[in-house]
N, C-alpha and C. Protein backbone atom coordinates (compact mmCIF):
# COMPACT_ATOMS: atom_id res chain seq x y z
N MET A 1 0.82 -1.19 0.00
CA MET A 1 0.00 0.00 0.00
C MET A 1 0.86 1.26 0.00
N GLN A 2 1.93 1.23 0.79
CA GLN A 2 2.84 2.38 0.86
C GLN A 2 3.49 2.63 -0.50
N ILE A 3 3.84 1.57 -1.22
CA ILE A 3 4.47 1.70 -2.53
C ILE A 3 3.51 2.37 -3.51
N ILE A 4 2.24 2.01 -3.46
CA ILE A 4 1.25 2.60 -4.36
C ILE A 4 1.12 4.10 -4.09
N ARG A 5 1.12 4.50 -2.83
CA ARG A 5 1.05 5.92 -2.49
C ARG A 5 2.26 6.67 -3.03
N CYS A 6 3.44 6.10 -2.85
CA CYS A 6 4.67 6.74 -3.35
C CYS A 6 4.64 6.87 -4.87
N LEU A 7 4.23 5.81 -5.55
CA LEU A 7 4.16 5.86 -7.01
C LEU A 7 3.12 6.88 -7.48
N THR A 8 2.01 6.96 -6.78
CA THR A 8 0.98 7.94 -7.12
C THR A 8 1.52 9.36 -6.98
N LEU A 9 2.24 9.63 -5.91
CA LEU A 9 2.82 10.95 -5.71
C LEU A 9 3.84 11.29 -6.80
N VAL A 10 4.64 10.32 -7.20
CA VAL A 10 5.63 10.53 -8.26
C VAL A 10 4.93 10.85 -9.58
N VAL A 11 3.88 10.12 -9.90
CA VAL A 11 3.14 10.36 -11.14
C VAL A 11 2.48 11.73 -11.12
N ILE A 12 1.88 12.10 -10.01
CA ILE A 12 1.25 13.43 -9.90
C ILE A 12 2.29 14.53 -10.04
N ALA A 13 3.43 14.37 -9.42
CA ALA A 13 4.50 15.38 -9.54
C ALA A 13 4.98 15.50 -10.98
N ALA A 14 5.12 14.38 -11.66
CA ALA A 14 5.57 14.41 -13.06
C ALA A 14 4.54 15.09 -13.95
N LEU A 15 3.27 14.82 -13.72
CA LEU A 15 2.22 15.45 -14.51
C LEU A 15 2.11 16.94 -14.22
N ALA A 16 2.29 17.32 -12.97
CA ALA A 16 2.18 18.73 -12.59
C ALA A 16 3.28 19.58 -13.21
N THR A 17 4.46 19.03 -13.36
CA THR A 17 5.56 19.81 -13.91
C THR A 17 5.56 19.81 -15.42
N GLY A 18 4.77 18.96 -16.06
CA GLY A 18 4.80 18.88 -17.52
C GLY A 18 6.13 18.31 -17.96
N CYS A 19 6.45 18.55 -19.19
CA CYS A 19 7.73 18.09 -19.71
C CYS A 19 8.64 19.30 -19.81
N SER A 20 9.46 19.51 -18.81
CA SER A 20 10.35 20.66 -18.83
C SER A 20 11.73 20.27 -18.35
N SER A 21 12.70 21.07 -18.78
CA SER A 21 14.09 20.82 -18.42
C SER A 21 14.79 22.16 -18.26
N PHE A 22 15.55 22.31 -17.18
CA PHE A 22 16.25 23.56 -16.91
C PHE A 22 17.66 23.28 -16.42
N THR A 23 18.58 24.16 -16.81
CA THR A 23 19.91 24.14 -16.22
C THR A 23 19.96 25.28 -15.21
N ARG A 24 20.67 25.08 -14.14
CA ARG A 24 20.78 26.11 -13.12
C ARG A 24 22.25 26.37 -12.82
N GLU A 25 22.57 27.65 -12.71
CA GLU A 25 23.92 28.04 -12.34
C GLU A 25 23.81 28.94 -11.13
N SER A 26 24.57 28.64 -10.12
CA SER A 26 24.58 29.52 -8.95
C SER A 26 25.65 30.58 -9.20
N GLY A 27 25.20 31.70 -9.71
CA GLY A 27 26.12 32.80 -10.03
C GLY A 27 26.19 33.78 -8.88
N GLN A 28 26.79 34.91 -9.17
CA GLN A 28 26.92 35.94 -8.14
C GLN A 28 25.59 36.64 -7.91
N THR A 29 25.48 37.29 -6.77
CA THR A 29 24.30 38.09 -6.47
C THR A 29 24.40 39.39 -7.26
N LEU A 30 23.31 39.73 -7.96
CA LEU A 30 23.31 40.90 -8.83
C LEU A 30 22.41 41.98 -8.24
N PRO A 31 22.87 43.23 -8.26
CA PRO A 31 22.05 44.31 -7.69
C PRO A 31 20.84 44.63 -8.55
N ARG A 32 19.69 44.59 -7.93
CA ARG A 32 18.43 44.85 -8.62
C ARG A 32 18.37 46.29 -9.14
N ASN A 33 18.98 47.22 -8.39
CA ASN A 33 18.89 48.63 -8.74
C ASN A 33 20.03 49.11 -9.64
N ALA A 34 20.83 48.20 -10.17
CA ALA A 34 21.89 48.57 -11.12
C ALA A 34 21.24 48.98 -12.44
N SER A 35 22.05 49.53 -13.33
CA SER A 35 21.53 49.89 -14.65
C SER A 35 21.54 48.65 -15.53
N TRP A 36 20.34 48.21 -15.94
CA TRP A 36 20.14 46.99 -16.71
C TRP A 36 19.67 47.32 -18.11
N GLY A 37 19.96 46.42 -19.04
CA GLY A 37 19.47 46.53 -20.40
C GLY A 37 19.10 45.16 -20.93
N VAL A 38 18.28 45.15 -21.96
CA VAL A 38 17.94 43.90 -22.66
C VAL A 38 18.39 44.04 -24.10
N ALA A 39 19.27 43.13 -24.50
CA ALA A 39 19.75 43.07 -25.88
C ALA A 39 18.91 42.04 -26.63
N PRO A 40 18.91 42.09 -27.95
CA PRO A 40 18.11 41.13 -28.72
C PRO A 40 18.45 39.67 -28.38
N LEU A 41 17.43 38.84 -28.40
CA LEU A 41 17.62 37.40 -28.27
C LEU A 41 17.76 36.83 -29.68
N VAL A 42 18.82 36.09 -29.91
CA VAL A 42 19.05 35.50 -31.23
C VAL A 42 18.00 34.42 -31.46
N ASN A 43 17.41 34.43 -32.64
CA ASN A 43 16.35 33.49 -32.98
C ASN A 43 16.91 32.31 -33.77
N TYR A 44 17.08 31.17 -33.09
CA TYR A 44 17.49 29.93 -33.76
C TYR A 44 16.29 29.06 -34.09
N ALA A 45 15.10 29.50 -33.67
CA ALA A 45 13.87 28.74 -33.95
C ALA A 45 13.45 28.96 -35.39
N GLN A 46 12.57 28.12 -35.87
CA GLN A 46 12.06 28.26 -37.23
C GLN A 46 10.94 29.30 -37.32
N THR A 47 10.44 29.74 -36.20
CA THR A 47 9.36 30.72 -36.16
C THR A 47 9.92 32.13 -36.32
N PRO A 48 9.47 32.88 -37.32
CA PRO A 48 9.96 34.25 -37.48
C PRO A 48 9.65 35.11 -36.26
N GLN A 49 10.59 35.94 -35.89
CA GLN A 49 10.48 36.91 -34.80
C GLN A 49 10.19 36.29 -33.43
N ALA A 50 10.58 35.07 -33.23
CA ALA A 50 10.42 34.44 -31.91
C ALA A 50 11.26 35.17 -30.86
N GLY A 51 12.43 35.65 -31.25
CA GLY A 51 13.28 36.39 -30.32
C GLY A 51 12.60 37.65 -29.81
N GLU A 52 11.97 38.39 -30.71
CA GLU A 52 11.27 39.61 -30.32
C GLU A 52 10.10 39.30 -29.39
N ARG A 53 9.39 38.24 -29.64
CA ARG A 53 8.27 37.84 -28.78
C ARG A 53 8.78 37.49 -27.38
N ALA A 54 9.87 36.73 -27.33
CA ALA A 54 10.44 36.34 -26.04
C ALA A 54 10.94 37.57 -25.28
N GLU A 55 11.52 38.53 -25.99
CA GLU A 55 12.01 39.76 -25.34
C GLU A 55 10.88 40.48 -24.62
N GLN A 56 9.72 40.59 -25.26
CA GLN A 56 8.59 41.29 -24.66
C GLN A 56 8.10 40.59 -23.40
N ILE A 57 8.05 39.28 -23.42
CA ILE A 57 7.66 38.53 -22.22
C ILE A 57 8.71 38.69 -21.14
N LEU A 58 9.99 38.65 -21.53
CA LEU A 58 11.09 38.81 -20.58
C LEU A 58 11.01 40.15 -19.85
N ILE A 59 10.69 41.21 -20.57
CA ILE A 59 10.58 42.54 -19.96
C ILE A 59 9.54 42.55 -18.85
N SER A 60 8.39 41.94 -19.09
CA SER A 60 7.33 41.94 -18.07
C SER A 60 7.72 41.08 -16.87
N ILE A 61 8.43 40.00 -17.09
CA ILE A 61 8.85 39.15 -15.98
C ILE A 61 9.94 39.84 -15.16
N LEU A 62 10.84 40.55 -15.82
CA LEU A 62 11.85 41.32 -15.09
C LEU A 62 11.18 42.41 -14.24
N ALA A 63 10.12 43.02 -14.76
CA ALA A 63 9.39 44.03 -14.00
C ALA A 63 8.80 43.43 -12.72
N GLU A 64 8.34 42.18 -12.78
CA GLU A 64 7.83 41.50 -11.58
C GLU A 64 8.92 41.39 -10.51
N GLU A 65 10.18 41.29 -10.96
CA GLU A 65 11.31 41.17 -10.04
C GLU A 65 11.85 42.54 -9.60
N GLY A 66 11.23 43.62 -10.08
CA GLY A 66 11.68 44.96 -9.72
C GLY A 66 12.82 45.48 -10.57
N VAL A 67 13.09 44.84 -11.70
CA VAL A 67 14.16 45.28 -12.61
C VAL A 67 13.50 45.98 -13.79
N ARG A 68 13.92 47.21 -14.04
CA ARG A 68 13.36 48.02 -15.14
C ARG A 68 14.47 48.32 -16.15
N PRO A 69 14.72 47.39 -17.07
CA PRO A 69 15.84 47.56 -17.99
C PRO A 69 15.53 48.50 -19.15
N LEU A 70 16.59 49.05 -19.73
CA LEU A 70 16.47 49.76 -21.00
C LEU A 70 16.38 48.73 -22.10
N MET A 71 15.58 49.02 -23.11
CA MET A 71 15.46 48.13 -24.27
C MET A 71 16.32 48.67 -25.39
N TYR A 72 17.04 47.78 -26.05
CA TYR A 72 17.77 48.18 -27.25
C TYR A 72 16.76 48.65 -28.28
N PRO A 73 16.97 49.85 -28.88
CA PRO A 73 15.99 50.36 -29.85
C PRO A 73 15.78 49.39 -31.02
N GLN A 74 14.54 49.16 -31.35
CA GLN A 74 14.22 48.24 -32.44
C GLN A 74 14.40 48.91 -33.79
N ALA A 75 14.86 48.13 -34.74
CA ALA A 75 14.99 48.59 -36.12
C ALA A 75 13.59 48.64 -36.74
N PRO A 76 13.43 49.42 -37.82
CA PRO A 76 12.14 49.40 -38.52
C PRO A 76 11.76 47.98 -38.94
N ARG A 77 10.48 47.69 -38.99
CA ARG A 77 9.95 46.35 -39.24
C ARG A 77 10.57 45.68 -40.47
N GLN A 78 10.69 46.40 -41.60
CA GLN A 78 11.24 45.79 -42.81
C GLN A 78 12.72 45.45 -42.64
N ASP A 79 13.45 46.23 -41.83
CA ASP A 79 14.87 45.95 -41.60
C ASP A 79 15.06 44.72 -40.71
N LEU A 80 14.11 44.47 -39.81
CA LEU A 80 14.22 43.33 -38.91
C LEU A 80 14.29 42.01 -39.67
N LEU A 81 13.54 41.91 -40.74
CA LEU A 81 13.50 40.66 -41.50
C LEU A 81 14.80 40.41 -42.24
N LEU A 82 15.52 41.47 -42.58
CA LEU A 82 16.75 41.33 -43.36
C LEU A 82 18.00 41.29 -42.50
N GLN A 83 17.93 41.80 -41.28
CA GLN A 83 19.11 41.91 -40.44
C GLN A 83 19.40 40.61 -39.69
N ASP A 84 20.66 40.26 -39.62
CA ASP A 84 21.10 39.07 -38.90
C ASP A 84 21.00 39.31 -37.39
N ASP A 85 20.42 38.35 -36.68
CA ASP A 85 20.23 38.50 -35.23
C ASP A 85 21.55 38.64 -34.49
N ARG A 86 22.57 37.91 -34.90
CA ARG A 86 23.88 38.00 -34.22
C ARG A 86 24.46 39.41 -34.39
N GLU A 87 24.28 39.98 -35.56
CA GLU A 87 24.77 41.35 -35.81
C GLU A 87 24.02 42.35 -34.92
N ARG A 88 22.70 42.16 -34.80
CA ARG A 88 21.91 43.02 -33.91
C ARG A 88 22.38 42.89 -32.47
N GLN A 89 22.75 41.68 -32.06
CA GLN A 89 23.21 41.46 -30.70
C GLN A 89 24.55 42.18 -30.45
N ILE A 90 25.45 42.12 -31.41
CA ILE A 90 26.75 42.81 -31.29
C ILE A 90 26.53 44.32 -31.22
N GLN A 91 25.66 44.83 -32.07
CA GLN A 91 25.35 46.27 -32.05
C GLN A 91 24.72 46.67 -30.71
N ALA A 92 23.89 45.80 -30.16
CA ALA A 92 23.25 46.09 -28.88
C ALA A 92 24.27 46.14 -27.75
N LEU A 93 25.28 45.30 -27.78
CA LEU A 93 26.32 45.35 -26.74
C LEU A 93 27.13 46.63 -26.86
N ASP A 94 27.39 47.09 -28.07
CA ASP A 94 28.04 48.39 -28.26
C ASP A 94 27.17 49.51 -27.69
N TRP A 95 25.87 49.43 -27.97
CA TRP A 95 24.91 50.40 -27.42
C TRP A 95 24.94 50.38 -25.89
N ALA A 96 24.99 49.18 -25.29
CA ALA A 96 25.01 49.05 -23.83
C ALA A 96 26.26 49.69 -23.24
N ARG A 97 27.39 49.55 -23.91
CA ARG A 97 28.62 50.20 -23.45
C ARG A 97 28.47 51.72 -23.50
N GLN A 98 27.88 52.22 -24.57
CA GLN A 98 27.68 53.67 -24.70
C GLN A 98 26.73 54.19 -23.62
N GLN A 99 25.74 53.38 -23.26
CA GLN A 99 24.78 53.76 -22.22
C GLN A 99 25.34 53.56 -20.81
N ARG A 100 26.53 52.97 -20.73
CA ARG A 100 27.19 52.64 -19.45
C ARG A 100 26.31 51.76 -18.56
N LEU A 101 25.71 50.76 -19.17
CA LEU A 101 24.88 49.81 -18.42
C LEU A 101 25.78 48.85 -17.65
N ALA A 102 25.37 48.51 -16.45
CA ALA A 102 26.14 47.56 -15.64
C ALA A 102 25.95 46.13 -16.13
N TYR A 103 24.70 45.80 -16.53
CA TYR A 103 24.39 44.43 -16.94
C TYR A 103 23.44 44.45 -18.14
N VAL A 104 23.59 43.46 -18.98
CA VAL A 104 22.70 43.28 -20.13
C VAL A 104 22.24 41.82 -20.14
N ILE A 105 20.95 41.64 -20.31
CA ILE A 105 20.41 40.29 -20.48
C ILE A 105 20.24 40.05 -21.97
N THR A 106 20.77 38.95 -22.43
CA THR A 106 20.66 38.56 -23.83
C THR A 106 20.50 37.05 -23.87
N GLY A 107 20.54 36.48 -25.02
CA GLY A 107 20.42 35.02 -25.11
C GLY A 107 19.92 34.59 -26.46
N SER A 108 19.20 33.48 -26.46
CA SER A 108 18.71 32.92 -27.72
C SER A 108 17.42 32.13 -27.49
N VAL A 109 16.67 32.02 -28.57
CA VAL A 109 15.45 31.20 -28.59
C VAL A 109 15.76 30.01 -29.48
N GLU A 110 15.77 28.83 -28.90
CA GLU A 110 16.08 27.62 -29.66
C GLU A 110 14.84 26.96 -30.25
N GLU A 111 13.72 27.09 -29.54
CA GLU A 111 12.49 26.46 -30.01
C GLU A 111 11.31 27.35 -29.64
N TRP A 112 10.38 27.49 -30.58
CA TRP A 112 9.20 28.33 -30.35
C TRP A 112 8.15 27.90 -31.37
N GLN A 113 7.37 26.90 -31.02
CA GLN A 113 6.44 26.35 -32.01
C GLN A 113 5.37 25.51 -31.33
N TYR A 114 4.36 25.20 -32.11
CA TYR A 114 3.41 24.17 -31.73
C TYR A 114 3.86 22.90 -32.41
N LYS A 115 3.94 21.81 -31.65
CA LYS A 115 4.36 20.54 -32.23
C LYS A 115 3.30 20.02 -33.19
N ASN A 116 3.73 19.26 -34.17
CA ASN A 116 2.80 18.65 -35.13
C ASN A 116 2.03 17.53 -34.47
N GLY A 117 0.86 17.26 -34.98
CA GLY A 117 0.06 16.16 -34.46
C GLY A 117 -1.29 16.64 -33.99
N LEU A 118 -2.06 15.71 -33.47
CA LEU A 118 -3.41 16.02 -33.03
C LEU A 118 -3.44 16.97 -31.84
N ASP A 119 -2.51 16.80 -30.92
CA ASP A 119 -2.51 17.61 -29.71
C ASP A 119 -1.98 19.02 -29.94
N GLY A 120 -0.98 19.17 -30.78
CA GLY A 120 -0.41 20.49 -31.07
C GLY A 120 0.12 21.19 -29.84
N GLU A 121 0.92 20.49 -29.04
CA GLU A 121 1.44 21.09 -27.81
C GLU A 121 2.45 22.19 -28.11
N PRO A 122 2.46 23.26 -27.29
CA PRO A 122 3.47 24.29 -27.47
C PRO A 122 4.83 23.79 -26.97
N ALA A 123 5.88 24.19 -27.67
CA ALA A 123 7.24 23.82 -27.27
C ALA A 123 8.11 25.07 -27.30
N VAL A 124 8.77 25.34 -26.18
CA VAL A 124 9.60 26.54 -26.04
C VAL A 124 10.95 26.15 -25.48
N GLY A 125 12.01 26.71 -26.05
CA GLY A 125 13.36 26.53 -25.53
C GLY A 125 14.09 27.86 -25.58
N VAL A 126 14.61 28.32 -24.44
CA VAL A 126 15.26 29.63 -24.34
C VAL A 126 16.52 29.51 -23.50
N SER A 127 17.56 30.24 -23.90
CA SER A 127 18.78 30.39 -23.10
C SER A 127 18.97 31.86 -22.81
N LEU A 128 19.32 32.19 -21.58
CA LEU A 128 19.58 33.58 -21.19
C LEU A 128 20.98 33.69 -20.60
N GLN A 129 21.60 34.85 -20.83
CA GLN A 129 22.88 35.17 -20.22
C GLN A 129 22.81 36.60 -19.70
N VAL A 130 23.48 36.85 -18.59
CA VAL A 130 23.69 38.21 -18.10
C VAL A 130 25.16 38.52 -18.35
N LEU A 131 25.39 39.62 -19.08
CA LEU A 131 26.74 40.04 -19.43
C LEU A 131 27.07 41.36 -18.78
N GLU A 132 28.36 41.57 -18.51
CA GLU A 132 28.87 42.89 -18.17
C GLU A 132 29.32 43.52 -19.48
N PRO A 133 28.64 44.53 -19.98
CA PRO A 133 28.99 45.09 -21.29
C PRO A 133 30.42 45.62 -21.37
N ALA A 134 30.91 46.19 -20.28
CA ALA A 134 32.25 46.78 -20.31
C ALA A 134 33.33 45.74 -20.58
N THR A 135 33.13 44.52 -20.06
CA THR A 135 34.16 43.48 -20.20
C THR A 135 33.73 42.35 -21.14
N GLY A 136 32.42 42.23 -21.37
CA GLY A 136 31.91 41.12 -22.17
C GLY A 136 31.82 39.82 -21.38
N ARG A 137 32.12 39.88 -20.09
CA ARG A 137 32.12 38.69 -19.24
C ARG A 137 30.69 38.22 -18.96
N VAL A 138 30.48 36.92 -19.08
CA VAL A 138 29.19 36.31 -18.73
C VAL A 138 29.19 36.08 -17.22
N VAL A 139 28.25 36.71 -16.51
CA VAL A 139 28.19 36.56 -15.05
C VAL A 139 27.12 35.57 -14.61
N TRP A 140 26.22 35.22 -15.52
CA TRP A 140 25.17 34.25 -15.21
C TRP A 140 24.63 33.70 -16.51
N SER A 141 24.27 32.43 -16.49
CA SER A 141 23.73 31.78 -17.69
C SER A 141 22.79 30.66 -17.27
N SER A 142 21.71 30.50 -18.02
CA SER A 142 20.77 29.42 -17.74
C SER A 142 19.95 29.12 -18.99
N SER A 143 19.50 27.88 -19.11
CA SER A 143 18.67 27.45 -20.24
C SER A 143 17.46 26.70 -19.72
N GLY A 144 16.39 26.79 -20.49
CA GLY A 144 15.19 26.06 -20.11
C GLY A 144 14.37 25.69 -21.33
N ALA A 145 13.67 24.59 -21.22
CA ALA A 145 12.80 24.13 -22.31
C ALA A 145 11.55 23.52 -21.70
N ARG A 146 10.46 23.64 -22.43
CA ARG A 146 9.20 23.10 -21.93
C ARG A 146 8.30 22.74 -23.10
N ALA A 147 7.68 21.60 -22.98
CA ALA A 147 6.60 21.20 -23.89
C ALA A 147 5.32 21.26 -23.08
N GLY A 148 4.43 22.15 -23.45
CA GLY A 148 3.20 22.33 -22.69
C GLY A 148 2.14 21.31 -23.05
N TRP A 149 0.96 21.55 -22.53
CA TRP A 149 -0.18 20.68 -22.79
C TRP A 149 -0.93 21.17 -24.02
N SER A 150 -1.80 20.34 -24.56
CA SER A 150 -2.46 20.66 -25.82
C SER A 150 -3.35 21.90 -25.74
N ARG A 151 -3.87 22.23 -24.60
CA ARG A 151 -4.74 23.41 -24.46
C ARG A 151 -3.97 24.66 -24.04
N GLU A 152 -2.67 24.54 -23.84
CA GLU A 152 -1.86 25.66 -23.38
C GLU A 152 -1.40 26.50 -24.57
N SER A 153 -1.31 27.80 -24.37
CA SER A 153 -0.85 28.67 -25.45
C SER A 153 0.68 28.68 -25.49
N LEU A 154 1.21 29.06 -26.63
CA LEU A 154 2.65 29.18 -26.79
C LEU A 154 3.21 30.26 -25.88
N ALA A 155 2.51 31.39 -25.80
CA ALA A 155 2.95 32.48 -24.93
C ALA A 155 2.91 32.06 -23.46
N GLY A 156 1.91 31.26 -23.08
CA GLY A 156 1.83 30.77 -21.71
C GLY A 156 2.99 29.85 -21.36
N ALA A 157 3.34 28.96 -22.29
CA ALA A 157 4.49 28.08 -22.07
C ALA A 157 5.78 28.90 -21.99
N ALA A 158 5.89 29.92 -22.84
CA ALA A 158 7.08 30.78 -22.83
C ALA A 158 7.19 31.54 -21.52
N GLN A 159 6.06 32.02 -21.00
CA GLN A 159 6.08 32.72 -19.71
C GLN A 159 6.60 31.81 -18.61
N LYS A 160 6.17 30.57 -18.61
CA LYS A 160 6.62 29.63 -17.58
C LYS A 160 8.12 29.40 -17.67
N VAL A 161 8.63 29.24 -18.88
CA VAL A 161 10.07 29.02 -19.06
C VAL A 161 10.85 30.25 -18.62
N LEU A 162 10.45 31.42 -19.11
CA LEU A 162 11.19 32.65 -18.78
C LEU A 162 11.07 33.00 -17.30
N ARG A 163 9.91 32.76 -16.70
CA ARG A 163 9.74 33.03 -15.27
C ARG A 163 10.67 32.13 -14.44
N GLU A 164 10.79 30.88 -14.84
CA GLU A 164 11.70 29.96 -14.14
C GLU A 164 13.15 30.42 -14.29
N LEU A 165 13.52 30.82 -15.50
CA LEU A 165 14.90 31.27 -15.74
C LEU A 165 15.22 32.53 -14.94
N VAL A 166 14.35 33.53 -15.02
CA VAL A 166 14.59 34.78 -14.29
C VAL A 166 14.53 34.52 -12.78
N GLY A 167 13.69 33.60 -12.36
CA GLY A 167 13.62 33.24 -10.94
C GLY A 167 14.92 32.65 -10.41
N ASN A 168 15.75 32.13 -11.30
CA ASN A 168 17.05 31.59 -10.90
C ASN A 168 18.11 32.67 -10.71
N LEU A 169 17.82 33.89 -11.19
CA LEU A 169 18.75 35.00 -10.97
C LEU A 169 18.72 35.36 -9.49
N ASP A 170 19.88 35.62 -8.92
CA ASP A 170 19.97 35.97 -7.51
C ASP A 170 20.12 37.48 -7.39
N PHE A 171 18.99 38.18 -7.12
CA PHE A 171 19.00 39.63 -6.98
C PHE A 171 19.17 40.01 -5.52
N GLU A 172 19.84 41.13 -5.28
CA GLU A 172 19.93 41.66 -3.91
C GLU A 172 19.05 42.87 -3.77
């Protein structure tokens, strides 16, 4: 009987967490009131502008943590489609140095889609890094991925991934 209870708890825990995977790094404590910026997230996903979508969700989650970063100015819409994300990221780090920002959050979107099939579950994969623009040193890094349930939205799955990642940042 005890074994059945333990197995039931394990199954419930597995179902409650969905299918997700995260890496965690115990980095240094970062000051919440420092000057922060958000640089473009490189889009490695097949979905156009997934990086821009993730950036917008990231901004709102950072606000929940009391961090109000500067956003790298967006290029005109037609230029976004032609410009390489890595080049935009390099330009954003130059911008962060000019703004004398203490920290910049950047990263990449590896997956941003609804899976094929009857269920059409959302799948999101994101990596974030916190950089010191002056030195280019990575002070914190983490990755997360999640496959949601068939009734879950892609933005909802992305919020869960980004909230978990930002929650791993150690703010003072």
